[in-house]
PDB file of N, CA and C in Angstrom:
ATOM      1  N   MET A   1      52.764  24.497   6.358  1.00  0.00           N
ATOM      2  CA  MET A   1      51.304  24.532   6.305  1.00  0.00           C
ATOM      3  C   MET A   1      50.780  23.359   5.546  1.00  0.00           C
ATOM      4  N   LYS A   2      49.765  22.775   6.016  1.00  0.00           N
ATOM      5  CA  LYS A   2      49.154  21.583   5.432  1.00  0.00           C
ATOM      6  C   LYS A   2      47.708  21.915   5.055  1.00  0.00           C
ATOM      7  N   LEU A   3      47.265  21.615   3.881  1.00  0.00           N
ATOM      8  CA  LEU A   3      45.885  21.755   3.472  1.00  0.00           C
ATOM      9  C   LEU A   3      45.242  20.393   3.208  1.00  0.00           C
ATOM     10  N   LYS A   4      43.873  20.352   3.278  1.00  0.00           N
ATOM     11  CA  LYS A   4      43.262  19.066   3.158  1.00  0.00           C
ATOM     12  C   LYS A   4      41.988  19.248   2.263  1.00  0.00           C
ATOM     13  N   LEU A   5      41.773  18.284   1.369  1.00  0.00           N
ATOM     14  CA  LEU A   5      40.600  18.253   0.496  1.00  0.00           C
ATOM     15  C   LEU A   5      39.958  16.913   0.579  1.00  0.00           C
ATOM     16  N   ASP A   6      38.765  16.855   1.093  1.00  0.00           N
ATOM     17  CA  ASP A   6      37.974  15.623   1.189  1.00  0.00           C
ATOM     18  C   ASP A   6      36.926  15.605   0.096  1.00  0.00           C
ATOM     19  N   LEU A   7      37.000  14.644  -0.792  1.00  0.00           N
ATOM     20  CA  LEU A   7      36.102  14.559  -1.926  1.00  0.00           C
ATOM     21  C   LEU A   7      34.905  13.648  -1.748  1.00  0.00           C
ATOM     22  N   HIS A   8      34.673  13.182  -0.547  1.00  0.00           N
ATOM     23  CA  HIS A   8      33.579  12.283  -0.245  1.00  0.00           C
ATOM     24  C   HIS A   8      32.213  12.890  -0.620  1.00  0.00           C
ATOM     25  N   ASP A   9      31.963  14.146  -0.350  1.00  0.00           N
ATOM     26  CA  ASP A   9      30.657  14.791  -0.588  1.00  0.00           C
ATOM     27  C   ASP A   9      30.403  15.027  -2.052  1.00  0.00           C
ATOM     28  N   ILE A  10      31.415  15.123  -2.905  1.00  0.00           N
ATOM     29  CA  ILE A  10      31.177  15.423  -4.326  1.00  0.00           C
ATOM     30  C   ILE A  10      31.689  14.327  -5.275  1.00  0.00           C
ATOM     31  N   TYR A  11      31.781  13.141  -4.753  1.00  0.00           N
ATOM     32  CA  TYR A  11      32.422  12.057  -5.514  1.00  0.00           C
ATOM     33  C   TYR A  11      31.782  11.755  -6.878  1.00  0.00           C
ATOM     34  N   ASN A  12      30.490  12.134  -7.032  1.00  0.00           N
ATOM     35  CA  ASN A  12      29.789  11.794  -8.314  1.00  0.00           C
ATOM     36  C   ASN A  12      29.518  13.048  -9.179  1.00  0.00           C
ATOM     37  N   ARG A  13      30.154  14.139  -8.859  1.00  0.00           N
ATOM     38  CA  ARG A  13      29.982  15.411  -9.640  1.00  0.00           C
ATOM     39  C   ARG A  13      31.293  15.857 -10.180  1.00  0.00           C
ATOM     40  N   SER A  14      31.590  15.399 -11.429  1.00  0.00           N
ATOM     41  CA  SER A  14      32.844  15.567 -12.066  1.00  0.00           C
ATOM     42  C   SER A  14      33.292  17.006 -12.146  1.00  0.00           C
ATOM     43  N   GLY A  15      32.419  17.943 -12.535  1.00  0.00           N
ATOM     44  CA  GLY A  15      32.770  19.328 -12.634  1.00  0.00           C
ATOM     45  C   GLY A  15      33.186  19.941 -11.335  1.00  0.00           C
ATOM     46  N   GLU A  16      32.485  19.542 -10.238  1.00  0.00           N
ATOM     47  CA  GLU A  16      32.799  20.085  -8.928  1.00  0.00           C
ATOM     48  C   GLU A  16      34.202  19.492  -8.426  1.00  0.00           C
ATOM     49  N   ILE A  17      34.457  18.262  -8.792  1.00  0.00           N
ATOM     50  CA  ILE A  17      35.709  17.632  -8.429  1.00  0.00           C
ATOM     51  C   ILE A  17      36.874  18.402  -9.046  1.00  0.00           C
ATOM     52  N   ASP A  18      36.740  18.677 -10.341  1.00  0.00           N
ATOM     53  CA  ASP A  18      37.795  19.425 -11.109  1.00  0.00           C
ATOM     54  C   ASP A  18      37.995  20.826 -10.438  1.00  0.00           C
ATOM     55  N   ARG A  19      36.936  21.468 -10.152  1.00  0.00           N
ATOM     56  CA  ARG A  19      37.021  22.823  -9.516  1.00  0.00           C
ATOM     57  C   ARG A  19      37.653  22.726  -8.141  1.00  0.00           C
ATOM     58  N   ALA A  20      37.312  21.720  -7.362  1.00  0.00           N
ATOM     59  CA  ALA A  20      37.847  21.514  -6.025  1.00  0.00           C
ATOM     60  C   ALA A  20      39.398  21.276  -6.109  1.00  0.00           C
ATOM     61  N   LEU A  21      39.749  20.377  -7.059  1.00  0.00           N
ATOM     62  CA  LEU A  21      41.176  20.090  -7.208  1.00  0.00           C
ATOM     63  C   LEU A  21      42.007  21.308  -7.637  1.00  0.00           C
ATOM     64  N   HIS A  22      41.482  22.029  -8.669  1.00  0.00           N
ATOM     65  CA  HIS A  22      42.182  23.274  -9.107  1.00  0.00           C
ATOM     66  C   HIS A  22      42.220  24.251  -7.959  1.00  0.00           C
ATOM     67  N   GLY A  23      41.171  24.354  -7.167  1.00  0.00           N
ATOM     68  CA  GLY A  23      41.105  25.297  -6.056  1.00  0.00           C
ATOM     69  C   GLY A  23      42.174  24.999  -4.977  1.00  0.00           C
ATOM     70  N   ILE A  24      42.293  23.718  -4.603  1.00  0.00           N
ATOM     71  CA  ILE A  24      43.220  23.405  -3.494  1.00  0.00           C
ATOM     72  C   ILE A  24      44.663  23.523  -3.986  1.00  0.00           C
ATOM     73  N   ILE A  25      44.936  23.239  -5.249  1.00  0.00           N
ATOM     74  CA  ILE A  25      46.305  23.475  -5.765  1.00  0.00           C
ATOM     75  C   ILE A  25      46.629  24.914  -5.850  1.00  0.00           C
ATOM     76  N   GLN A  26      45.706  25.733  -6.309  1.00  0.00           N
ATOM     77  CA  GLN A  26      45.911  27.198  -6.350  1.00  0.00           C
ATOM     78  C   GLN A  26      46.114  27.746  -4.985  1.00  0.00           C
ATOM     79  N   GLU A  27      45.302  27.259  -3.992  1.00  0.00           N
ATOM     80  CA  GLU A  27      45.444  27.739  -2.592  1.00  0.00           C
ATOM     81  C   GLU A  27      46.778  27.359  -2.047  1.00  0.00           C
ATOM     82  N   ALA A  28      47.237  26.151  -2.361  1.00  0.00           N
ATOM     83  CA  ALA A  28      48.586  25.687  -1.860  1.00  0.00           C
ATOM     84  C   ALA A  28      49.694  26.606  -2.432  1.00  0.00           C
ATOM     85  N   VAL A  29      49.581  26.968  -3.698  1.00  0.00           N
ATOM     86  CA  VAL A  29      50.621  27.823  -4.345  1.00  0.00           C
ATOM     87  C   VAL A  29      50.524  29.220  -3.671  1.00  0.00           C
ATOM     88  N   ARG A  30      49.327  29.701  -3.536  1.00  0.00           N
ATOM     89  CA  ARG A  30      49.104  31.084  -2.993  1.00  0.00           C
ATOM     90  C   ARG A  30      49.643  31.139  -1.512  1.00  0.00           C
ATOM     91  N   LYS A  31      49.357  30.190  -0.754  1.00  0.00           N
ATOM     92  CA  LYS A  31      49.796  30.153   0.667  1.00  0.00           C
ATOM     93  C   LYS A  31      51.171  29.526   0.931  1.00  0.00           C
ATOM     94  N   LYS A  32      51.736  29.032  -0.183  1.00  0.00           N
ATOM     95  CA  LYS A  32      53.014  28.306  -0.139  1.00  0.00           C
ATOM     96  C   LYS A  32      52.995  27.148   0.921  1.00  0.00           C
ATOM     97  N   ALA A  33      51.935  26.414   0.794  1.00  0.00           N
ATOM     98  CA  ALA A  33      51.732  25.227   1.665  1.00  0.00           C
ATOM     99  C   ALA A  33      52.814  24.156   1.286  1.00  0.00           C
ATOM    100  N   THR A  34      53.191  23.348   2.203  1.00  0.00           N
ATOM    101  CA  THR A  34      54.206  22.344   1.977  1.00  0.00           C
ATOM    102  C   THR A  34      53.544  20.968   1.615  1.00  0.00           C
ATOM    103  N   GLU A  35      52.269  20.852   2.026  1.00  0.00           N
ATOM    104  CA  GLU A  35      51.577  19.542   1.817  1.00  0.00           C
ATOM    105  C   GLU A  35      50.067  19.687   1.613  1.00  0.00           C
ATOM    106  N   VAL A  36      49.529  18.951   0.653  1.00  0.00           N
ATOM    107  CA  VAL A  36      48.094  18.913   0.484  1.00  0.00           C
ATOM    108  C   VAL A  36      47.687  17.429   0.586  1.00  0.00           C
ATOM    109  N   GLU A  37      46.742  17.159   1.522  1.00  0.00           N
ATOM    110  CA  GLU A  37      46.186  15.823   1.658  1.00  0.00           C
ATOM    111  C   GLU A  37      44.873  15.813   0.877  1.00  0.00           C
ATOM    112  N   ILE A  38      44.802  14.862  -0.047  1.00  0.00           N
ATOM    113  CA  ILE A  38      43.546  14.703  -0.858  1.00  0.00           C
ATOM    114  C   ILE A  38      42.951  13.361  -0.505  1.00  0.00           C
ATOM    115  N   ILE A  39      41.679  13.409  -0.159  1.00  0.00           N
ATOM    116  CA  ILE A  39      40.960  12.168   0.270  1.00  0.00           C
ATOM    117  C   ILE A  39      39.877  11.803  -0.732  1.00  0.00           C
ATOM    118  N   PRO A  40      40.240  10.945  -1.747  1.00  0.00           N
ATOM    119  CA  PRO A  40      39.216  10.514  -2.653  1.00  0.00           C
ATOM    120  C   PRO A  40      38.352   9.405  -2.092  1.00  0.00           C
ATOM    121  N   GLY A  41      38.787   8.778  -1.030  1.00  0.00           N
ATOM    122  CA  GLY A  41      38.065   7.642  -0.414  1.00  0.00           C
ATOM    123  C   GLY A  41      38.464   6.367  -1.052  1.00  0.00           C
ATOM    124  N   LYS A  42      38.026   5.248  -0.480  1.00  0.00           N
ATOM    125  CA  LYS A  42      38.437   3.924  -0.946  1.00  0.00           C
ATOM    126  C   LYS A  42      37.613   3.469  -2.166  1.00  0.00           C
ATOM    127  N   GLY A  43      36.345   3.309  -1.972  1.00  0.00           N
ATOM    128  CA  GLY A  43      35.388   2.970  -3.059  1.00  0.00           C
ATOM    129  C   GLY A  43      35.974   2.018  -4.113  1.00  0.00           C
ATOM    130  N   SER A  44      35.581   2.273  -5.385  1.00  0.00           N
ATOM    131  CA  SER A  44      36.021   1.460  -6.454  1.00  0.00           C
ATOM    132  C   SER A  44      37.372   1.814  -7.044  1.00  0.00           C
ATOM    133  N   GLY A  45      37.908   2.977  -6.648  1.00  0.00           N
ATOM    134  CA  GLY A  45      39.181   3.434  -7.080  1.00  0.00           C
ATOM    135  C   GLY A  45      39.143   4.372  -8.283  1.00  0.00           C
ATOM    136  N   GLN A  46      37.935   4.608  -8.810  1.00  0.00           N
ATOM    137  CA  GLN A  46      37.782   5.462 -10.004  1.00  0.00           C
ATOM    138  C   GLN A  46      38.071   6.893  -9.653  1.00  0.00           C
ATOM    139  N   LEU A  47      37.631   7.378  -8.520  1.00  0.00           N
ATOM    140  CA  LEU A  47      37.893   8.773  -8.114  1.00  0.00           C
ATOM    141  C   LEU A  47      39.346   9.027  -7.877  1.00  0.00           C
ATOM    142  N   LYS A  48      40.002   8.024  -7.267  1.00  0.00           N
ATOM    143  CA  LYS A  48      41.470   8.166  -7.006  1.00  0.00           C
ATOM    144  C   LYS A  48      42.227   8.246  -8.333  1.00  0.00           C
ATOM    145  N   LYS A  49      41.803   7.464  -9.356  1.00  0.00           N
ATOM    146  CA  LYS A  49      42.438   7.477 -10.649  1.00  0.00           C
ATOM    147  C   LYS A  49      42.194   8.806 -11.356  1.00  0.00           C
ATOM    148  N   LYS A  50      41.020   9.387 -11.119  1.00  0.00           N
ATOM    149  CA  LYS A  50      40.677  10.710 -11.680  1.00  0.00           C
ATOM    150  C   LYS A  50      41.596  11.771 -11.042  1.00  0.00           C
ATOM    151  N   VAL A  51      41.823  11.687  -9.740  1.00  0.00           N
ATOM    152  CA  VAL A  51      42.675  12.639  -9.043  1.00  0.00           C
ATOM    153  C   VAL A  51      44.091  12.477  -9.587  1.00  0.00           C
ATOM    154  N   LEU A  52      44.566  11.278  -9.702  1.00  0.00           N
ATOM    155  CA  LEU A  52      45.964  11.044 -10.225  1.00  0.00           C
ATOM    156  C   LEU A  52      46.146  11.576 -11.660  1.00  0.00           C
ATOM    157  N   ARG A  53      45.062  11.367 -12.479  1.00  0.00           N
ATOM    158  CA  ARG A  53      45.173  11.938 -13.832  1.00  0.00           C
ATOM    159  C   ARG A  53      45.201  13.460 -13.813  1.00  0.00           C
ATOM    160  N   PHE A  54      44.452  14.042 -12.919  1.00  0.00           N
ATOM    161  CA  PHE A  54      44.481  15.488 -12.756  1.00  0.00           C
ATOM    162  C   PHE A  54      45.927  15.950 -12.378  1.00  0.00           C
ATOM    163  N   LEU A  55      46.478  15.319 -11.340  1.00  0.00           N
ATOM    164  CA  LEU A  55      47.791  15.707 -10.885  1.00  0.00           C
ATOM    165  C   LEU A  55      48.870  15.422 -11.895  1.00  0.00           C
ATOM    166  N   ASP A  56      48.639  14.533 -12.877  1.00  0.00           N
ATOM    167  CA  ASP A  56      49.653  14.173 -13.848  1.00  0.00           C
ATOM    168  C   ASP A  56      49.635  15.149 -15.038  1.00  0.00           C
ATOM    169  N   GLN A  57      48.663  16.070 -15.054  1.00  0.00           N
ATOM    170  CA  GLN A  57      48.634  17.068 -16.162  1.00  0.00           C
ATOM    171  C   GLN A  57      49.929  17.901 -16.108  1.00  0.00           C
ATOM    172  N   LYS A  58      50.475  18.217 -17.262  1.00  0.00           N
ATOM    173  CA  LYS A  58      51.778  18.887 -17.325  1.00  0.00           C
ATOM    174  C   LYS A  58      51.801  20.244 -16.544  1.00  0.00           C
ATOM    175  N   GLU A  59      50.774  21.045 -16.659  1.00  0.00           N
ATOM    176  CA  GLU A  59      50.730  22.354 -15.983  1.00  0.00           C
ATOM    177  C   GLU A  59      50.587  22.194 -14.498  1.00  0.00           C
ATOM    178  N   ILE A  60      49.894  21.172 -14.041  1.00  0.00           N
ATOM    179  CA  ILE A  60      49.676  20.914 -12.611  1.00  0.00           C
ATOM    180  C   ILE A  60      50.982  20.290 -12.078  1.00  0.00           C
ATOM    181  N   LYS A  61      51.549  19.329 -12.772  1.00  0.00           N
ATOM    182  CA  LYS A  61      52.694  18.591 -12.345  1.00  0.00           C
ATOM    183  C   LYS A  61      53.896  19.592 -12.080  1.00  0.00           C
ATOM    184  N   ALA A  62      53.965  20.623 -12.825  1.00  0.00           N
ATOM    185  CA  ALA A  62      55.041  21.618 -12.698  1.00  0.00           C
ATOM    186  C   ALA A  62      54.965  22.385 -11.351  1.00  0.00           C
ATOM    187  N   LEU A  63      53.803  22.325 -10.723  1.00  0.00           N
ATOM    188  CA  LEU A  63      53.599  23.121  -9.495  1.00  0.00           C
ATOM    189  C   LEU A  63      54.067  22.396  -8.212  1.00  0.00           C
ATOM    190  N   TYR A  64      54.050  21.062  -8.220  1.00  0.00           N
ATOM    191  CA  TYR A  64      54.352  20.358  -7.006  1.00  0.00           C
ATOM    192  C   TYR A  64      55.657  19.562  -7.198  1.00  0.00           C
ATOM    193  N   HIS A  65      56.155  19.058  -6.037  1.00  0.00           N
ATOM    194  CA  HIS A  65      57.412  18.313  -5.960  1.00  0.00           C
ATOM    195  C   HIS A  65      57.207  16.815  -6.158  1.00  0.00           C
ATOM    196  N   ARG A  66      56.324  16.228  -5.328  1.00  0.00           N
ATOM    197  CA  ARG A  66      56.059  14.814  -5.452  1.00  0.00           C
ATOM    198  C   ARG A  66      54.716  14.418  -4.843  1.00  0.00           C
ATOM    199  N   ILE A  67      54.281  13.175  -5.154  1.00  0.00           N
ATOM    200  CA  ILE A  67      53.067  12.610  -4.615  1.00  0.00           C
ATOM    201  C   ILE A  67      53.379  11.322  -3.896  1.00  0.00           C
ATOM    202  N   ASP A  68      52.697  11.132  -2.728  1.00  0.00           N
ATOM    203  CA  ASP A  68      52.850   9.873  -2.036  1.00  0.00           C
ATOM    204  C   ASP A  68      51.390   9.322  -1.789  1.00  0.00           C
ATOM    205  N   LYS A  69      51.266   7.987  -1.894  1.00  0.00           N
ATOM    206  CA  LYS A  69      50.047   7.316  -1.569  1.00  0.00           C
ATOM    207  C   LYS A  69      50.227   6.808  -0.141  1.00  0.00           C
ATOM    208  N   ASP A  70      49.211   6.906   0.648  1.00  0.00           N
ATOM    209  CA  ASP A  70      49.251   6.501   2.031  1.00  0.00           C
ATOM    210  C   ASP A  70      49.325   4.972   2.047  1.00  0.00           C
ATOM    211  N   ALA A  71      50.374   4.406   2.630  1.00  0.00           N
ATOM    212  CA  ALA A  71      50.586   2.949   2.636  1.00  0.00           C
ATOM    213  C   ALA A  71      49.521   2.261   3.542  1.00  0.00           C
ATOM    214  N   LYS A  72      48.992   2.932   4.547  1.00  0.00           N
ATOM    215  CA  LYS A  72      48.053   2.316   5.458  1.00  0.00           C
ATOM    216  C   LYS A  72      46.615   2.575   5.108  1.00  0.00           C
ATOM    217  N   ASN A  73      46.375   3.601   4.265  1.00  0.00           N
ATOM    218  CA  ASN A  73      45.016   3.962   3.884  1.00  0.00           C
ATOM    219  C   ASN A  73      45.021   4.310   2.407  1.00  0.00           C
ATOM    220  N   HIS A  74      44.640   3.347   1.511  1.00  0.00           N
ATOM    221  CA  HIS A  74      44.680   3.653   0.099  1.00  0.00           C
ATOM    222  C   HIS A  74      43.678   4.649  -0.399  1.00  0.00           C
ATOM    223  N   GLY A  75      42.900   5.252   0.480  1.00  0.00           N
ATOM    224  CA  GLY A  75      41.914   6.238   0.130  1.00  0.00           C
ATOM    225  C   GLY A  75      42.449   7.686   0.361  1.00  0.00           C
ATOM    226  N   ARG A  76      43.813   7.770   0.482  1.00  0.00           N
ATOM    227  CA  ARG A  76      44.411   9.076   0.748  1.00  0.00           C
ATOM    228  C   ARG A  76      45.673   9.298  -0.105  1.00  0.00           C
ATOM    229  N   LEU A  77      45.818  10.541  -0.512  1.00  0.00           N
ATOM    230  CA  LEU A  77      47.023  10.912  -1.331  1.00  0.00           C
ATOM    231  C   LEU A  77      47.679  12.137  -0.620  1.00  0.00           C
ATOM    232  N   PHE A  78      48.956  12.249  -0.733  1.00  0.00           N
ATOM    233  CA  PHE A  78      49.642  13.482  -0.228  1.00  0.00           C
ATOM    234  C   PHE A  78      50.447  14.070  -1.388  1.00  0.00           C
ATOM    235  N   VAL A  79      50.237  15.361  -1.566  1.00  0.00           N
ATOM    236  CA  VAL A  79      50.949  16.141  -2.563  1.00  0.00           C
ATOM    237  C   VAL A  79      51.918  17.062  -1.842  1.00  0.00           C
ATOM    238  N   TYR A  80      53.195  16.996  -2.209  1.00  0.00           N
ATOM    239  CA  TYR A  80      54.204  17.790  -1.462  1.00  0.00           C
ATOM    240  C   TYR A  80      54.733  18.851  -2.436  1.00  0.00           C
ATOM    241  N   PHE A  81      54.894  20.045  -1.808  1.00  0.00           N
ATOM    242  CA  PHE A  81      55.425  21.233  -2.540  1.00  0.00           C
ATOM    243  C   PHE A  81      56.781  21.618  -1.889  1.00  0.00           C
ATOM    244  N   ARG A  82      57.664  22.147  -2.725  1.00  0.00           N
ATOM    245  CA  ARG A  82      58.952  22.616  -2.273  1.00  0.00           C
ATOM    246  C   ARG A  82      59.066  24.078  -2.694  1.00  0.00           C
ATOM    247  N   TRP A  83      59.259  24.949  -1.743  1.00  0.00           N
ATOM    248  CA  TRP A  83      59.360  26.387  -2.015  1.00  0.00           C
ATOM    249  C   TRP A  83      60.729  26.879  -1.691  1.00  0.00           C
ATOM    250  N   LYS A  84      61.167  27.815  -2.447  1.00  0.00           N
ATOM    251  CA  LYS A  84      62.570  28.388  -2.222  1.00  0.00           C
ATOM    252  C   LYS A  84      62.452  29.685  -1.469  1.00  0.00           C
TER     253      LYS A  84
END
């Protein structure tokens, strides 16, 4: 199962971004999704940095297996989960 979160609509609302990120990670855990695609967009790169800081938090990092940045589109991140 693959989930997708597009942050284009809420790029300038920090609180909503945090809630959306927490929500998509919780949904991935609940549904045992194997991949979450997060689209911060290209822009200045500040939103992508915010997303990466969120994903780097100890309690969040413990939930997923790895992160990949899209080589062809730097406005996209993939978060992969491994379930037993």
